[in-house]
Amino acid sequence: MIHAHITAWLVALILFFVALSLNKSGKEKGAKIVQMVLRVFYLLIIATGVMLLTRVAHIDWKYTLKAVAGLWVIGTFEMILSRVKNNRRTSVFWIQFVVAFALALYLGFAVLPMSFLHP
């Protein structure tokens, strides 16, 4: 299940940057289609994340923080895409995205017991 979760958010990350570039280049129809596919991947990310959480015997604050950081990343994806579409400033949301994504990666790969790098 971990591999499905990682694959889903990697594909979502790629789709996010594709939608962003389509929005910036003025191809609104293509951007809208990619953004709809991206939203399906949000659901896959959330579903696989919930499945991973159900495998944990005792959910502590690290798991909760990881889940919140993951949802925060999804929220910043949507806010950045909507603000780019409306030609509004996105710098605050880019900062939030970097912080949330770094936190989710750190917790997911280095801290939590089901991670790849955990001893």
PDB file of N, CA and C in Angstrom:
ATOM      1  N   MET A   1       0.816  -1.197   0.000  1.00  0.00           N
ATOM      2  CA  MET A   1       0.000   0.000   0.000  1.00  0.00           C
ATOM      3  C   MET A   1       0.864   1.267   0.000  1.00  0.00           C
ATOM      4  N   ILE A   2       2.037   1.175   0.596  1.00  0.00           N
ATOM      5  CA  ILE A   2       2.923   2.338   0.629  1.00  0.00           C
ATOM      6  C   ILE A   2       3.311   2.746  -0.794  1.00  0.00           C
ATOM      7  N   HIS A   3       3.572   1.744  -1.636  1.00  0.00           N
ATOM      8  CA  HIS A   3       3.967   2.039  -3.009  1.00  0.00           C
ATOM      9  C   HIS A   3       2.841   2.703  -3.785  1.00  0.00           C
ATOM     10  N   ALA A   4       1.612   2.288  -3.561  1.00  0.00           N
ATOM     11  CA  ALA A   4       0.467   2.920  -4.213  1.00  0.00           C
ATOM     12  C   ALA A   4       0.322   4.367  -3.763  1.00  0.00           C
ATOM     13  N   HIS A   5       0.540   4.608  -2.472  1.00  0.00           N
ATOM     14  CA  HIS A   5       0.435   5.964  -1.937  1.00  0.00           C
ATOM     15  C   HIS A   5       1.508   6.872  -2.541  1.00  0.00           C
ATOM     16  N   ILE A   6       2.743   6.386  -2.567  1.00  0.00           N
ATOM     17  CA  ILE A   6       3.838   7.181  -3.117  1.00  0.00           C
ATOM     18  C   ILE A   6       3.641   7.418  -4.611  1.00  0.00           C
ATOM     19  N   THR A   7       3.209   6.394  -5.335  1.00  0.00           N
ATOM     20  CA  THR A   7       2.946   6.554  -6.768  1.00  0.00           C
ATOM     21  C   THR A   7       1.847   7.578  -7.016  1.00  0.00           C
ATOM     22  N   ALA A   8       0.796   7.541  -6.216  1.00  0.00           N
ATOM     23  CA  ALA A   8      -0.317   8.489  -6.382  1.00  0.00           C
ATOM     24  C   ALA A   8       0.145   9.919  -6.160  1.00  0.00           C
ATOM     25  N   TRP A   9       0.952  10.166  -5.114  1.00  0.00           N
ATOM     26  CA  TRP A   9       1.350  11.565  -4.917  1.00  0.00           C
ATOM     27  C   TRP A   9       2.443  12.005  -5.875  1.00  0.00           C
ATOM     28  N   LEU A  10       3.246  11.066  -6.376  1.00  0.00           N
ATOM     29  CA  LEU A  10       4.216  11.456  -7.410  1.00  0.00           C
ATOM     30  C   LEU A  10       3.515  11.844  -8.715  1.00  0.00           C
ATOM     31  N   VAL A  11       2.519  11.051  -9.109  1.00  0.00           N
ATOM     32  CA  VAL A  11       1.747  11.381 -10.313  1.00  0.00           C
ATOM     33  C   VAL A  11       0.995  12.694 -10.102  1.00  0.00           C
ATOM     34  N   ALA A  12       0.451  12.904  -8.908  1.00  0.00           N
ATOM     35  CA  ALA A  12      -0.244  14.156  -8.612  1.00  0.00           C
ATOM     36  C   ALA A  12       0.705  15.347  -8.698  1.00  0.00           C
ATOM     37  N   LEU A  13       1.916  15.183  -8.221  1.00  0.00           N
ATOM     38  CA  LEU A  13       2.900  16.256  -8.305  1.00  0.00           C
ATOM     39  C   LEU A  13       3.212  16.608  -9.758  1.00  0.00           C
ATOM     40  N   ILE A  14       3.364  15.595 -10.587  1.00  0.00           N
ATOM     41  CA  ILE A  14       3.616  15.823 -12.016  1.00  0.00           C
ATOM     42  C   ILE A  14       2.418  16.499 -12.666  1.00  0.00           C
ATOM     43  N   LEU A  15       1.215  16.014 -12.375  1.00  0.00           N
ATOM     44  CA  LEU A  15       0.007  16.619 -12.943  1.00  0.00           C
ATOM     45  C   LEU A  15      -0.173  18.062 -12.485  1.00  0.00           C
ATOM     46  N   PHE A  16       0.213  18.351 -11.251  1.00  0.00           N
ATOM     47  CA  PHE A  16       0.133  19.718 -10.746  1.00  0.00           C
ATOM     48  C   PHE A  16       0.988  20.660 -11.586  1.00  0.00           C
ATOM     49  N   PHE A  17       2.228  20.253 -11.855  1.00  0.00           N
ATOM     50  CA  PHE A  17       3.102  21.121 -12.641  1.00  0.00           C
ATOM     51  C   PHE A  17       2.660  21.207 -14.102  1.00  0.00           C
ATOM     52  N   VAL A  18       2.068  20.148 -14.631  1.00  0.00           N
ATOM     53  CA  VAL A  18       1.518  20.207 -15.990  1.00  0.00           C
ATOM     54  C   VAL A  18       0.341  21.183 -16.027  1.00  0.00           C
ATOM     55  N   ALA A  19      -0.564  21.078 -15.069  1.00  0.00           N
ATOM     56  CA  ALA A  19      -1.707  21.996 -15.014  1.00  0.00           C
ATOM     57  C   ALA A  19      -1.245  23.433 -14.824  1.00  0.00           C
ATOM     58  N   LEU A  20      -0.228  23.619 -14.009  1.00  0.00           N
ATOM     59  CA  LEU A  20       0.313  24.956 -13.777  1.00  0.00           C
ATOM     60  C   LEU A  20       0.872  25.551 -15.060  1.00  0.00           C
ATOM     61  N   SER A  21       1.634  24.759 -15.803  1.00  0.00           N
ATOM     62  CA  SER A  21       2.211  25.272 -17.049  1.00  0.00           C
ATOM     63  C   SER A  21       1.128  25.519 -18.106  1.00  0.00           C
ATOM     64  N   LEU A  22       0.117  24.674 -18.150  1.00  0.00           N
ATOM     65  CA  LEU A  22      -0.979  24.914 -19.094  1.00  0.00           C
ATOM     66  C   LEU A  22      -1.754  26.178 -18.739  1.00  0.00           C
ATOM     67  N   ASN A  23      -1.970  26.414 -17.447  1.00  0.00           N
ATOM     68  CA  ASN A  23      -2.651  27.638 -17.017  1.00  0.00           C
ATOM     69  C   ASN A  23      -1.843  28.867 -17.388  1.00  0.00           C
ATOM     70  N   LYS A  24      -0.538  28.815 -17.178  1.00  0.00           N
ATOM     71  CA  LYS A  24       0.314  29.966 -17.473  1.00  0.00           C
ATOM     72  C   LYS A  24       0.435  30.236 -18.965  1.00  0.00           C
ATOM     73  N   SER A  25       0.331  29.183 -19.782  1.00  0.00           N
ATOM     74  CA  SER A  25       0.448  29.374 -21.226  1.00  0.00           C
ATOM     75  C   SER A  25      -0.885  29.723 -21.878  1.00  0.00           C
ATOM     76  N   GLY A  26      -1.956  29.780 -21.099  1.00  0.00           N
ATOM     77  CA  GLY A  26      -3.248  30.212 -21.628  1.00  0.00           C
ATOM     78  C   GLY A  26      -4.095  29.101 -22.226  1.00  0.00           C
ATOM     79  N   LYS A  27      -3.716  27.861 -22.056  1.00  0.00           N
ATOM     80  CA  LYS A  27      -4.491  26.728 -22.577  1.00  0.00           C
ATOM     81  C   LYS A  27      -5.456  26.273 -21.491  1.00  0.00           C
ATOM     82  N   GLU A  28      -6.570  27.008 -21.371  1.00  0.00           N
ATOM     83  CA  GLU A  28      -7.495  26.803 -20.263  1.00  0.00           C
ATOM     84  C   GLU A  28      -8.211  25.461 -20.325  1.00  0.00           C
ATOM     85  N   LYS A  29      -8.583  25.021 -21.516  1.00  0.00           N
ATOM     86  CA  LYS A  29      -9.314  23.758 -21.625  1.00  0.00           C
ATOM     87  C   LYS A  29      -8.431  22.578 -21.207  1.00  0.00           C
ATOM     88  N   GLY A  30      -7.211  22.555 -21.676  1.00  0.00           N
ATOM     89  CA  GLY A  30      -6.282  21.500 -21.281  1.00  0.00           C
ATOM     90  C   GLY A  30      -5.980  21.538 -19.801  1.00  0.00           C
ATOM     91  N   ALA A  31      -5.835  22.738 -19.256  1.00  0.00           N
ATOM     92  CA  ALA A  31      -5.562  22.894 -17.833  1.00  0.00           C
ATOM     93  C   ALA A  31      -6.727  22.383 -17.001  1.00  0.00           C
ATOM     94  N   LYS A  32      -7.937  22.652 -17.453  1.00  0.00           N
ATOM     95  CA  LYS A  32      -9.122  22.192 -16.720  1.00  0.00           C
ATOM     96  C   LYS A  32      -9.206  20.667 -16.709  1.00  0.00           C
ATOM     97  N   ILE A  33      -8.891  20.032 -17.836  1.00  0.00           N
ATOM     98  CA  ILE A  33      -8.917  18.567 -17.917  1.00  0.00           C
ATOM     99  C   ILE A  33      -7.863  17.960 -16.992  1.00  0.00           C
ATOM    100  N   VAL A  34      -6.655  18.502 -17.037  1.00  0.00           N
ATOM    101  CA  VAL A  34      -5.583  17.992 -16.187  1.00  0.00           C
ATOM    102  C   VAL A  34      -5.917  18.206 -14.717  1.00  0.00           C
ATOM    103  N   GLN A  35      -6.536  19.327 -14.406  1.00  0.00           N
ATOM    104  CA  GLN A  35      -6.897  19.604 -13.015  1.00  0.00           C
ATOM    105  C   GLN A  35      -7.981  18.634 -12.531  1.00  0.00           C
ATOM    106  N   MET A  36      -8.896  18.238 -13.387  1.00  0.00           N
ATOM    107  CA  MET A  36      -9.907  17.249 -12.996  1.00  0.00           C
ATOM    108  C   MET A  36      -9.258  15.886 -12.737  1.00  0.00           C
ATOM    109  N   VAL A  37      -8.318  15.496 -13.579  1.00  0.00           N
ATOM    110  CA  VAL A  37      -7.595  14.239 -13.351  1.00  0.00           C
ATOM    111  C   VAL A  37      -6.794  14.343 -12.049  1.00  0.00           C
ATOM    112  N   LEU A  38      -6.206  15.504 -11.807  1.00  0.00           N
ATOM    113  CA  LEU A  38      -5.455  15.730 -10.577  1.00  0.00           C
ATOM    114  C   LEU A  38      -6.349  15.549  -9.355  1.00  0.00           C
ATOM    115  N   ARG A  39      -7.578  15.988  -9.435  1.00  0.00           N
ATOM    116  CA  ARG A  39      -8.509  15.841  -8.307  1.00  0.00           C
ATOM    117  C   ARG A  39      -8.849  14.375  -8.044  1.00  0.00           C
ATOM    118  N   VAL A  40      -8.862  13.568  -9.091  1.00  0.00           N
ATOM    119  CA  VAL A  40      -9.049  12.128  -8.890  1.00  0.00           C
ATOM    120  C   VAL A  40      -7.854  11.562  -8.126  1.00  0.00           C
ATOM    121  N   PHE A  41      -6.670  12.039  -8.453  1.00  0.00           N
ATOM    122  CA  PHE A  41      -5.488  11.579  -7.742  1.00  0.00           C
ATOM    123  C   PHE A  41      -5.477  12.061  -6.292  1.00  0.00           C
ATOM    124  N   TYR A  42      -6.080  13.217  -5.999  1.00  0.00           N
ATOM    125  CA  TYR A  42      -6.230  13.637  -4.608  1.00  0.00           C
ATOM    126  C   TYR A  42      -7.018  12.577  -3.841  1.00  0.00           C
ATOM    127  N   LEU A  43      -8.092  12.104  -4.454  1.00  0.00           N
ATOM    128  CA  LEU A  43      -8.914  11.079  -3.800  1.00  0.00           C
ATOM    129  C   LEU A  43      -8.124   9.788  -3.588  1.00  0.00           C
ATOM    130  N   LEU A  44      -7.318   9.424  -4.585  1.00  0.00           N
ATOM    131  CA  LEU A  44      -6.482   8.229  -4.434  1.00  0.00           C
ATOM    132  C   LEU A  44      -5.451   8.404  -3.320  1.00  0.00           C
ATOM    133  N   ILE A  45      -4.863   9.573  -3.234  1.00  0.00           N
ATOM    134  CA  ILE A  45      -3.885   9.847  -2.180  1.00  0.00           C
ATOM    135  C   ILE A  45      -4.549   9.740  -0.813  1.00  0.00           C
ATOM    136  N   ILE A  46      -5.709  10.345  -0.675  1.00  0.00           N
ATOM    137  CA  ILE A  46      -6.413  10.307   0.606  1.00  0.00           C
ATOM    138  C   ILE A  46      -6.839   8.882   0.945  1.00  0.00           C
ATOM    139  N   ALA A  47      -7.349   8.147  -0.051  1.00  0.00           N
ATOM    140  CA  ALA A  47      -7.801   6.771   0.191  1.00  0.00           C
ATOM    141  C   ALA A  47      -6.638   5.873   0.612  1.00  0.00           C
ATOM    142  N   THR A  48      -5.511   5.952  -0.101  1.00  0.00           N
ATOM    143  CA  THR A  48      -4.373   5.110   0.277  1.00  0.00           C
ATOM    144  C   THR A  48      -3.783   5.550   1.616  1.00  0.00           C
ATOM    145  N   GLY A  49      -3.829   6.830   1.902  1.00  0.00           N
ATOM    146  CA  GLY A  49      -3.361   7.315   3.200  1.00  0.00           C
ATOM    147  C   GLY A  49      -4.217   6.799   4.343  1.00  0.00           C
ATOM    148  N   VAL A  50      -5.526   6.788   4.145  1.00  0.00           N
ATOM    149  CA  VAL A  50      -6.429   6.247   5.161  1.00  0.00           C
ATOM    150  C   VAL A  50      -6.182   4.748   5.339  1.00  0.00           C
ATOM    151  N   MET A  51      -5.964   4.043   4.229  1.00  0.00           N
ATOM    152  CA  MET A  51      -5.673   2.605   4.326  1.00  0.00           C
ATOM    153  C   MET A  51      -4.380   2.353   5.099  1.00  0.00           C
ATOM    154  N   LEU A  52      -3.379   3.195   4.880  1.00  0.00           N
ATOM    155  CA  LEU A  52      -2.136   3.060   5.638  1.00  0.00           C
ATOM    156  C   LEU A  52      -2.364   3.336   7.124  1.00  0.00           C
ATOM    157  N   LEU A  53      -3.195   4.327   7.421  1.00  0.00           N
ATOM    158  CA  LEU A  53      -3.472   4.642   8.826  1.00  0.00           C
ATOM    159  C   LEU A  53      -4.229   3.517   9.526  1.00  0.00           C
ATOM    160  N   THR A  54      -5.074   2.806   8.790  1.00  0.00           N
ATOM    161  CA  THR A  54      -5.824   1.715   9.421  1.00  0.00           C
ATOM    162  C   THR A  54      -4.922   0.535   9.764  1.00  0.00           C
ATOM    163  N   ARG A  55      -3.751   0.454   9.174  1.00  0.00           N
ATOM    164  CA  ARG A  55      -2.797  -0.619   9.486  1.00  0.00           C
ATOM    165  C   ARG A  55      -1.974  -0.333  10.732  1.00  0.00           C
ATOM    166  N   VAL A  56      -2.050   0.873  11.235  1.00  0.00           N
ATOM    167  CA  VAL A  56      -1.260   1.261  12.397  1.00  0.00           C
ATOM    168  C   VAL A  56      -2.029   0.876  13.660  1.00  0.00           C
ATOM    169  N   ALA A  57      -1.343   0.212  14.583  1.00  0.00           N
ATOM    170  CA  ALA A  57      -1.986  -0.224  15.824  1.00  0.00           C
ATOM    171  C   ALA A  57      -2.275   0.960  16.752  1.00  0.00           C
ATOM    172  N   HIS A  58      -1.338   1.874  16.866  1.00  0.00           N
ATOM    173  CA  HIS A  58      -1.493   3.021  17.763  1.00  0.00           C
ATOM    174  C   HIS A  58      -1.135   4.286  16.997  1.00  0.00           C
ATOM    175  N   ILE A  59      -2.120   5.125  16.727  1.00  0.00           N
ATOM    176  CA  ILE A  59      -1.890   6.369  15.987  1.00  0.00           C
ATOM    177  C   ILE A  59      -1.473   7.446  16.983  1.00  0.00           C
ATOM    178  N   ASP A  60      -0.252   7.933  16.854  1.00  0.00           N
ATOM    179  CA  ASP A  60       0.223   8.997  17.730  1.00  0.00           C
ATOM    180  C   ASP A  60       0.286  10.317  16.956  1.00  0.00           C
ATOM    181  N   TRP A  61       0.890  11.321  17.553  1.00  0.00           N
ATOM    182  CA  TRP A  61       0.909  12.662  16.979  1.00  0.00           C
ATOM    183  C   TRP A  61       1.675  12.730  15.668  1.00  0.00           C
ATOM    184  N   LYS A  62       2.649  11.845  15.454  1.00  0.00           N
ATOM    185  CA  LYS A  62       3.426  11.880  14.212  1.00  0.00           C
ATOM    186  C   LYS A  62       2.553  11.513  13.016  1.00  0.00           C
ATOM    187  N   TYR A  63       1.711  10.513  13.184  1.00  0.00           N
ATOM    188  CA  TYR A  63       0.804  10.122  12.110  1.00  0.00           C
ATOM    189  C   TYR A  63      -0.217  11.218  11.826  1.00  0.00           C
ATOM    190  N   THR A  64      -0.716  11.828  12.891  1.00  0.00           N
ATOM    191  CA  THR A  64      -1.678  12.915  12.728  1.00  0.00           C
ATOM    192  C   THR A  64      -1.033  14.094  12.016  1.00  0.00           C
ATOM    193  N   LEU A  65       0.187  14.446  12.398  1.00  0.00           N
ATOM    194  CA  LEU A  65       0.903  15.543  11.757  1.00  0.00           C
ATOM    195  C   LEU A  65       1.174  15.236  10.282  1.00  0.00           C
ATOM    196  N   LYS A  66       1.524  13.995   9.975  1.00  0.00           N
ATOM    197  CA  LYS A  66       1.759  13.587   8.582  1.00  0.00           C
ATOM    198  C   LYS A  66       0.483  13.714   7.763  1.00  0.00           C
ATOM    199  N   ALA A  67      -0.642  13.289   8.321  1.00  0.00           N
ATOM    200  CA  ALA A  67      -1.922  13.394   7.616  1.00  0.00           C
ATOM    201  C   ALA A  67      -2.304  14.854   7.378  1.00  0.00           C
ATOM    202  N   VAL A  68      -2.108  15.682   8.374  1.00  0.00           N
ATOM    203  CA  VAL A  68      -2.425  17.109   8.236  1.00  0.00           C
ATOM    204  C   VAL A  68      -1.506  17.761   7.202  1.00  0.00           C
ATOM    205  N   ALA A  69      -0.233  17.411   7.221  1.00  0.00           N
ATOM    206  CA  ALA A  69       0.712  17.969   6.242  1.00  0.00           C
ATOM    207  C   ALA A  69       0.336  17.533   4.829  1.00  0.00           C
ATOM    208  N   GLY A  70      -0.080  16.285   4.668  1.00  0.00           N
ATOM    209  CA  GLY A  70      -0.509  15.807   3.352  1.00  0.00           C
ATOM    210  C   GLY A  70      -1.737  16.542   2.846  1.00  0.00           C
ATOM    211  N   LEU A  71      -2.710  16.749   3.723  1.00  0.00           N
ATOM    212  CA  LEU A  71      -3.900  17.515   3.324  1.00  0.00           C
ATOM    213  C   LEU A  71      -3.553  18.972   3.043  1.00  0.00           C
ATOM    214  N   TRP A  72      -2.599  19.504   3.775  1.00  0.00           N
ATOM    215  CA  TRP A  72      -2.119  20.870   3.565  1.00  0.00           C
ATOM    216  C   TRP A  72      -1.488  20.998   2.178  1.00  0.00           C
ATOM    217  N   VAL A  73      -0.731  19.995   1.750  1.00  0.00           N
ATOM    218  CA  VAL A  73      -0.128  20.001   0.412  1.00  0.00           C
ATOM    219  C   VAL A  73      -1.227  20.027  -0.651  1.00  0.00           C
ATOM    220  N   ILE A  74      -2.241  19.197  -0.487  1.00  0.00           N
ATOM    221  CA  ILE A  74      -3.347  19.167  -1.449  1.00  0.00           C
ATOM    222  C   ILE A  74      -4.048  20.519  -1.498  1.00  0.00           C
ATOM    223  N   GLY A  75      -4.247  21.127  -0.329  1.00  0.00           N
ATOM    224  CA  GLY A  75      -4.858  22.459  -0.279  1.00  0.00           C
ATOM    225  C   GLY A  75      -4.034  23.518  -0.986  1.00  0.00           C
ATOM    226  N   THR A  76      -2.722  23.462  -0.806  1.00  0.00           N
ATOM    227  CA  THR A  76      -1.876  24.451  -1.486  1.00  0.00           C
ATOM    228  C   THR A  76      -1.859  24.219  -2.995  1.00  0.00           C
ATOM    229  N   PHE A  77      -1.926  22.952  -3.432  1.00  0.00           N
ATOM    230  CA  PHE A  77      -2.055  22.668  -4.871  1.00  0.00           C
ATOM    231  C   PHE A  77      -3.252  23.422  -5.438  1.00  0.00           C
ATOM    232  N   GLU A  78      -4.386  23.246  -4.800  1.00  0.00           N
ATOM    233  CA  GLU A  78      -5.617  23.869  -5.297  1.00  0.00           C
ATOM    234  C   GLU A  78      -5.551  25.393  -5.248  1.00  0.00           C
ATOM    235  N   MET A  79      -4.999  25.935  -4.168  1.00  0.00           N
ATOM    236  CA  MET A  79      -4.923  27.389  -4.050  1.00  0.00           C
ATOM    237  C   MET A  79      -3.976  27.987  -5.087  1.00  0.00           C
ATOM    238  N   ILE A  80      -2.859  27.346  -5.330  1.00  0.00           N
ATOM    239  CA  ILE A  80      -1.918  27.849  -6.334  1.00  0.00           C
ATOM    240  C   ILE A  80      -2.555  27.814  -7.712  1.00  0.00           C
ATOM    241  N   LEU A  81      -3.190  26.698  -8.057  1.00  0.00           N
ATOM    242  CA  LEU A  81      -3.806  26.590  -9.387  1.00  0.00           C
ATOM    243  C   LEU A  81      -4.931  27.602  -9.578  1.00  0.00           C
ATOM    244  N   SER A  82      -5.752  27.799  -8.561  1.00  0.00           N
ATOM    245  CA  SER A  82      -6.844  28.754  -8.703  1.00  0.00           C
ATOM    246  C   SER A  82      -6.340  30.188  -8.777  1.00  0.00           C
ATOM    247  N   ARG A  83      -5.300  30.511  -8.032  1.00  0.00           N
ATOM    248  CA  ARG A  83      -4.757  31.869  -8.072  1.00  0.00           C
ATOM    249  C   ARG A  83      -4.006  32.145  -9.370  1.00  0.00           C
ATOM    250  N   VAL A  84      -3.323  31.158  -9.910  1.00  0.00           N
ATOM    251  CA  VAL A  84      -2.661  31.345 -11.204  1.00  0.00           C
ATOM    252  C   VAL A  84      -3.717  31.568 -12.288  1.00  0.00           C
ATOM    253  N   LYS A  85      -4.804  30.817 -12.224  1.00  0.00           N
ATOM    254  CA  LYS A  85      -5.884  30.963 -13.197  1.00  0.00           C
ATOM    255  C   LYS A  85      -6.489  32.366 -13.161  1.00  0.00           C
ATOM    256  N   ASN A  86      -6.574  32.949 -11.951  1.00  0.00           N
ATOM    257  CA  ASN A  86      -7.161  34.281 -11.785  1.00  0.00           C
ATOM    258  C   ASN A  86      -6.127  35.396 -11.766  1.00  0.00           C
ATOM    259  N   ASN A  87      -4.884  35.084 -12.129  1.00  0.00           N
ATOM    260  CA  ASN A  87      -3.786  36.060 -12.176  1.00  0.00           C
ATOM    261  C   ASN A  87      -3.591  36.799 -10.854  1.00  0.00           C
ATOM    262  N   ARG A  88      -3.564  36.045  -9.757  1.00  0.00           N
ATOM    263  CA  ARG A  88      -3.333  36.618  -8.428  1.00  0.00           C
ATOM    264  C   ARG A  88      -2.006  36.108  -7.888  1.00  0.00           C
ATOM    265  N   ARG A  89      -1.493  36.766  -6.867  1.00  0.00           N
ATOM    266  CA  ARG A  89      -0.197  36.401  -6.279  1.00  0.00           C
ATOM    267  C   ARG A  89      -0.263  35.026  -5.625  1.00  0.00           C
ATOM    268  N   THR A  90       0.824  34.270  -5.773  1.00  0.00           N
ATOM    269  CA  THR A  90       0.868  32.917  -5.223  1.00  0.00           C
ATOM    270  C   THR A  90       2.047  32.686  -4.282  1.00  0.00           C
ATOM    271  N   SER A  91       2.822  33.709  -4.001  1.00  0.00           N
ATOM    272  CA  SER A  91       4.067  33.511  -3.248  1.00  0.00           C
ATOM    273  C   SER A  91       3.827  32.911  -1.859  1.00  0.00           C
ATOM    274  N   VAL A  92       2.799  33.336  -1.166  1.00  0.00           N
ATOM    275  CA  VAL A  92       2.509  32.807   0.168  1.00  0.00           C
ATOM    276  C   VAL A  92       2.185  31.315   0.088  1.00  0.00           C
ATOM    277  N   PHE A  93       1.437  30.927  -0.937  1.00  0.00           N
ATOM    278  CA  PHE A  93       1.060  29.528  -1.072  1.00  0.00           C
ATOM    279  C   PHE A  93       2.230  28.662  -1.530  1.00  0.00           C
ATOM    280  N   TRP A  94       3.161  29.215  -2.298  1.00  0.00           N
ATOM    281  CA  TRP A  94       4.361  28.463  -2.659  1.00  0.00           C
ATOM    282  C   TRP A  94       5.208  28.182  -1.420  1.00  0.00           C
ATOM    283  N   ILE A  95       5.315  29.159  -0.535  1.00  0.00           N
ATOM    284  CA  ILE A  95       6.056  28.957   0.709  1.00  0.00           C
ATOM    285  C   ILE A  95       5.381  27.874   1.551  1.00  0.00           C
ATOM    286  N   GLN A  96       4.055  27.954   1.655  1.00  0.00           N
ATOM    287  CA  GLN A  96       3.313  26.940   2.393  1.00  0.00           C
ATOM    288  C   GLN A  96       3.499  25.561   1.766  1.00  0.00           C
ATOM    289  N   PHE A  97       3.483  25.500   0.433  1.00  0.00           N
ATOM    290  CA  PHE A  97       3.663  24.230  -0.257  1.00  0.00           C
ATOM    291  C   PHE A  97       5.021  23.618   0.082  1.00  0.00           C
ATOM    292  N   VAL A  98       6.075  24.410   0.024  1.00  0.00           N
ATOM    293  CA  VAL A  98       7.426  23.902   0.306  1.00  0.00           C
ATOM    294  C   VAL A  98       7.514  23.392   1.743  1.00  0.00           C
ATOM    295  N   VAL A  99       6.970  24.141   2.691  1.00  0.00           N
ATOM    296  CA  VAL A  99       7.015  23.741   4.096  1.00  0.00           C
ATOM    297  C   VAL A  99       6.221  22.453   4.318  1.00  0.00           C
ATOM    298  N   ALA A 100       4.994  22.410   3.803  1.00  0.00           N
ATOM    299  CA  ALA A 100       4.139  21.239   4.010  1.00  0.00           C
ATOM    300  C   ALA A 100       4.701  20.006   3.314  1.00  0.00           C
ATOM    301  N   PHE A 101       5.212  20.174   2.104  1.00  0.00           N
ATOM    302  CA  PHE A 101       5.752  19.036   1.360  1.00  0.00           C
ATOM    303  C   PHE A 101       7.012  18.505   2.031  1.00  0.00           C
ATOM    304  N   ALA A 102       7.872  19.410   2.487  1.00  0.00           N
ATOM    305  CA  ALA A 102       9.093  18.985   3.192  1.00  0.00           C
ATOM    306  C   ALA A 102       8.742  18.262   4.488  1.00  0.00           C
ATOM    307  N   LEU A 103       7.762  18.764   5.214  1.00  0.00           N
ATOM    308  CA  LEU A 103       7.338  18.123   6.454  1.00  0.00           C
ATOM    309  C   LEU A 103       6.759  16.738   6.184  1.00  0.00           C
ATOM    310  N   ALA A 104       5.920  16.625   5.169  1.00  0.00           N
ATOM    311  CA  ALA A 104       5.329  15.329   4.828  1.00  0.00           C
ATOM    312  C   ALA A 104       6.406  14.339   4.378  1.00  0.00           C
ATOM    313  N   LEU A 105       7.359  14.789   3.577  1.00  0.00           N
ATOM    314  CA  LEU A 105       8.443  13.905   3.143  1.00  0.00           C
ATOM    315  C   LEU A 105       9.299  13.460   4.316  1.00  0.00           C
ATOM    316  N   TYR A 106       9.638  14.393   5.181  1.00  0.00           N
ATOM    317  CA  TYR A 106      10.466  14.056   6.334  1.00  0.00           C
ATOM    318  C   TYR A 106       9.768  13.034   7.234  1.00  0.00           C
ATOM    319  N   LEU A 107       8.511  13.299   7.559  1.00  0.00           N
ATOM    320  CA  LEU A 107       7.782  12.370   8.418  1.00  0.00           C
ATOM    321  C   LEU A 107       7.581  11.024   7.732  1.00  0.00           C
ATOM    322  N   GLY A 108       7.255  11.053   6.453  1.00  0.00           N
ATOM    323  CA  GLY A 108       6.962   9.818   5.738  1.00  0.00           C
ATOM    324  C   GLY A 108       8.167   8.952   5.467  1.00  0.00           C
ATOM    325  N   PHE A 109       9.308   9.565   5.193  1.00  0.00           N
ATOM    326  CA  PHE A 109      10.492   8.783   4.825  1.00  0.00           C
ATOM    327  C   PHE A 109      11.481   8.569   5.955  1.00  0.00           C
ATOM    328  N   ALA A 110      11.493   9.426   6.964  1.00  0.00           N
ATOM    329  CA  ALA A 110      12.534   9.327   7.978  1.00  0.00           C
ATOM    330  C   ALA A 110      12.025   9.037   9.387  1.00  0.00           C
ATOM    331  N   VAL A 111      10.809   9.394   9.701  1.00  0.00           N
ATOM    332  CA  VAL A 111      10.370   9.314  11.092  1.00  0.00           C
ATOM    333  C   VAL A 111       9.426   8.142  11.352  1.00  0.00           C
ATOM    334  N   LEU A 112       8.417   7.988  10.551  1.00  0.00           N
ATOM    335  CA  LEU A 112       7.384   6.988  10.827  1.00  0.00           C
ATOM    336  C   LEU A 112       7.897   5.566  10.601  1.00  0.00           C
ATOM    337  N   PRO A 113       7.427   4.621  11.384  1.00  0.00           N
ATOM    338  CA  PRO A 113       7.943   3.252  11.319  1.00  0.00           C
ATOM    339  C   PRO A 113       7.723   2.525   9.989  1.00  0.00           C
ATOM    340  N   MET A 114       6.710   2.869   9.240  1.00  0.00           N
ATOM    341  CA  MET A 114       6.480   2.192   7.956  1.00  0.00           C
ATOM    342  C   MET A 114       7.272   2.817   6.814  1.00  0.00           C
ATOM    343  N   SER A 115       8.165   3.743   7.135  1.00  0.00           N
ATOM    344  CA  SER A 115       8.912   4.435   6.087  1.00  0.00           C
ATOM    345  C   SER A 115      10.074   3.599   5.587  1.00  0.00           C
ATOM    346  N   PHE A 116      10.649   4.025   4.466  1.00  0.00           N
ATOM    347  CA  PHE A 116      11.769   3.312   3.857  1.00  0.00           C
ATOM    348  C   PHE A 116      13.066   3.499   4.646  1.00  0.00           C
ATOM    349  N   LEU A 117      13.283   4.674   5.193  1.00  0.00           N
ATOM    350  CA  LEU A 117      14.560   4.989   5.832  1.00  0.00           C
ATOM    351  C   LEU A 117      14.586   4.740   7.329  1.00  0.00           C
ATOM    352  N   HIS A 118      13.461   4.353   7.893  1.00  0.00           N
ATOM    353  CA  HIS A 118      13.388   4.129   9.331  1.00  0.00           C
ATOM    354  C   HIS A 118      14.195   2.885   9.702  1.00  0.00           C
ATOM    355  N   PRO A 119      15.018   2.975  10.755  1.00  0.00           N
ATOM    356  CA  PRO A 119      15.862   1.826  11.137  1.00  0.00           C
ATOM    357  C   PRO A 119      15.065   0.634  11.633  1.00  0.00           C
TER     358      PRO A 119
END
